[in-house]
Amino acid sequence: MLPSTLSAHFARISLSHAATLPPRSLLTRSLLSVSPSSCLGHVRTYVSLKSSSGFPARNSQAQSQRSIFTWPLIIAEKLSGQRVRTRRRRRYFRYARIANYATLVGLLTVAVLSYDSCERCQHTLLAIVRCARVAKAVILGTVDYKRTFSRQYGDEGEAHDAYSKCHRRTAERILDVLQTNGGIYIKLGQHTSSIQLLPIEWTSTLRPLQDQCIPTPYSEIEAMFVADTGRSLEELFSEFDPEPIGVASLAQVHLARDRESDRRVAVKIQHPHLDEFAKIDMIAVTVSLKLVKQFFPEFEFSWLGEEIQQNLPLELDFVHEAYNAHRATQDFAKLKKTSLYIPQVLRATKRTLIMEYIDGARVDDLVYLAKHDIDRNKVSQELQRIFSRMVYINGFFHADPHPGNLLIRPAPPNSRSPYNFEIALLDHGLYFDIEDDLRINYARLWLSLIASGTPKVVEDRKKYAELVGNIQPDMYPIFETAITGRAGLEGGAYEDPSITFKRAGSMLDLASQSDEELEIIRNALMEKEGLILSLFDMLRRVPRRVLMILKLNDLTRHLDNSLATTHSRSRIFLIVARYCSVAVWQDERNRFFNQWRNDGLSLSLLTRGISSFWAYHMVYDGLRIVEWFMDTKAQLVKTKAYLRGLYTQGWSGAKLAAAGLA
């Protein structure tokens, strides 16, 4: 049935169109000379000869000129077994080449017109390009790691250099993608650069993203504000500064004056393009990381994609941010004394937030602190008290307290601050709740790190590490370093006989880091493939809440360094320990009264309650004494700097030296 149909079809073509074709056309003669019943056979013969390279090789010019417009001529030559004369053949190919170019120009014109006029086309094309960048960087980086760690090297120095270069190459690839794509990718890079467990090549390469945010033009901001609120900027504000006073990865802030109340306000407006690409970007990151896991199971980063999927939509919802700010305010409302101040939110929509304006400076601005006679040691300690209360007492904490989100100002009249300053906490988009069991067990882990490193205490450290982070004994050294920021406590991590520096028995014994210890921490993740794979495994196992607490610890340690404090590095650890002791005591007290109500008061219960109360005060009051000694020593260091500045530079030099500026 099929051959006869094709034969009839070719016959109709031959009879109806023969007159319209050029008389001497080879295609006409071929179709008329070949019987309809054999056409299908000729086509089959041609296909089989083509697939087996049975035809004589053509010159390179003819090969390169083949297109949809030249195939009719080629098929006709095969059917007739004859070749068109050279002049006519060249003319035919010239027309075919013109047709190729015309088609290409037409397709490009259609594409350009579609891109300019069709928003969906623009979105689709840009989304494909953004996803391709991510996939390329992730795959190249993974393959680079696999090849580098699988090679054999002559000595440790050569291996160290190769691993360091691999870290740097991969981090630079990722940095290029994050900068090019912008938006949520900047936020992802900022988060990654704050994970101190990663090799220094990663954190140092990605650190520029902390301050690299491009503002959105005023016209786009104005249009988005109207679309989101239904009202123009002129309706709500009597003044509005078109130049932002702050630009972040997700939004920018403008100074304005509220028309109704005539008070100065800060207007936070989300970058308009984020909503367009947020979903596709989240999918791109998640899929890329899952592909890495599929082909290289040991390089486990899928947890990062899951975290983005869960947290980014919350950060992009400013109504949710307003709720977080209100809840955090309520958590601190009952305190008679606190230096924390959370700006009041006046209005909020999904992409706009209008809040009270705070006139201050970054919390690590040493010049500002010196100008207003603010003690930088007290600032660091108050920061640690604020976040320790959030984590260990309230169980609801701000997870992104970098210096750009913390402002300091002189304490105004009627302030609750016990000092001459207030700390304003901004950007409440990312908060985490902590379950009571996790919160208490993590507090017990901290207290075990404060205690002397006896065999029993070391066992308790590993036990609570497993409870809070699913950390097995073989991964405990990495986890301990993540918490303390040090190369390990005695009896716990890095049991290496080649280590010559004196390790501390507890966090109370921690002195300044030696060069040898810093080098061990820096090189540990580069010298052994197994160790970095253990790091990836730990990051996958640890609950996201615990990972955010570790990030919070890193940020507070970084702030302590940025403030150039004169107290011991373990000073802020003591504050954490005091709040941990309060959390454990409150838990023990609640258990005591619950059991009393349920089972009645017994001698064993009373004994346990008295023992818990005594242990709490021993730890809490003992830490207060240690804190007093450390603060006294820190004040002596500042006094010594003041006298040295006075002797060398006079009164102005003395003040600068005491403020850490000289």
Foldseek 3Di string as FASTA:
>chain_A
DVLVVQLVVLVVCLVPCLVVDPVPDLLNCLSVVDHSSCPVVLVVVVVVCVVVVVDDDDDPVVVVLDDPQCVSQVSSCSSVVHHDDPVVVVVSSVVSVVVVVVVVVVVVVVLVVCCVPPPVSVLVVVLVVLLVLLLVLLVVLLVLVVVLQVDDDDDLVVLLVSLLVSLLVSLLSLQVSLVVVAAVSLVLLCLVLLQVLDFPSNNVSSVVSQQDFDDDQLVQQQVVVCVFPVDGPVVFFVFWDRDFPAGHRFWTWTWTAGPPPRAIKIKIFGDVCCVSCVVSVLVSNLVSQVVSCVVPVLQHDNVSSVVSVPQVQLLQFVVSLLVLLVVLCVLCVPDLAAQEDEWHWDDGTRGMTITHDDPFAFLLPLVRCLVVVHALVVSLLRVLLSQLCCVQPVQKGQLDQARVQKGKDAADPPGRHPDRMHIYGHRRSDMGGDDLVLSLLVLQLLLLQADFQDVVSLVSNQVSCCVQFVDHLVLFQSVVCLQLVWNDAPPHDDPDPVDDDDHHRHLVPDADDDPVGVVCSNSVCSSHPVVVSSVSVSVVRGDPVVSSVSSVSSNSLVSSVSQVAQFGSSLSSLSSNLSSLVSNLVVLVVVLVVCCVVPNDDPVSVVVNVVSVVVSCVSNVVSVVVNVVRVVSRVVVLVVQLVVLCVPPNNVRSSCSSSVND
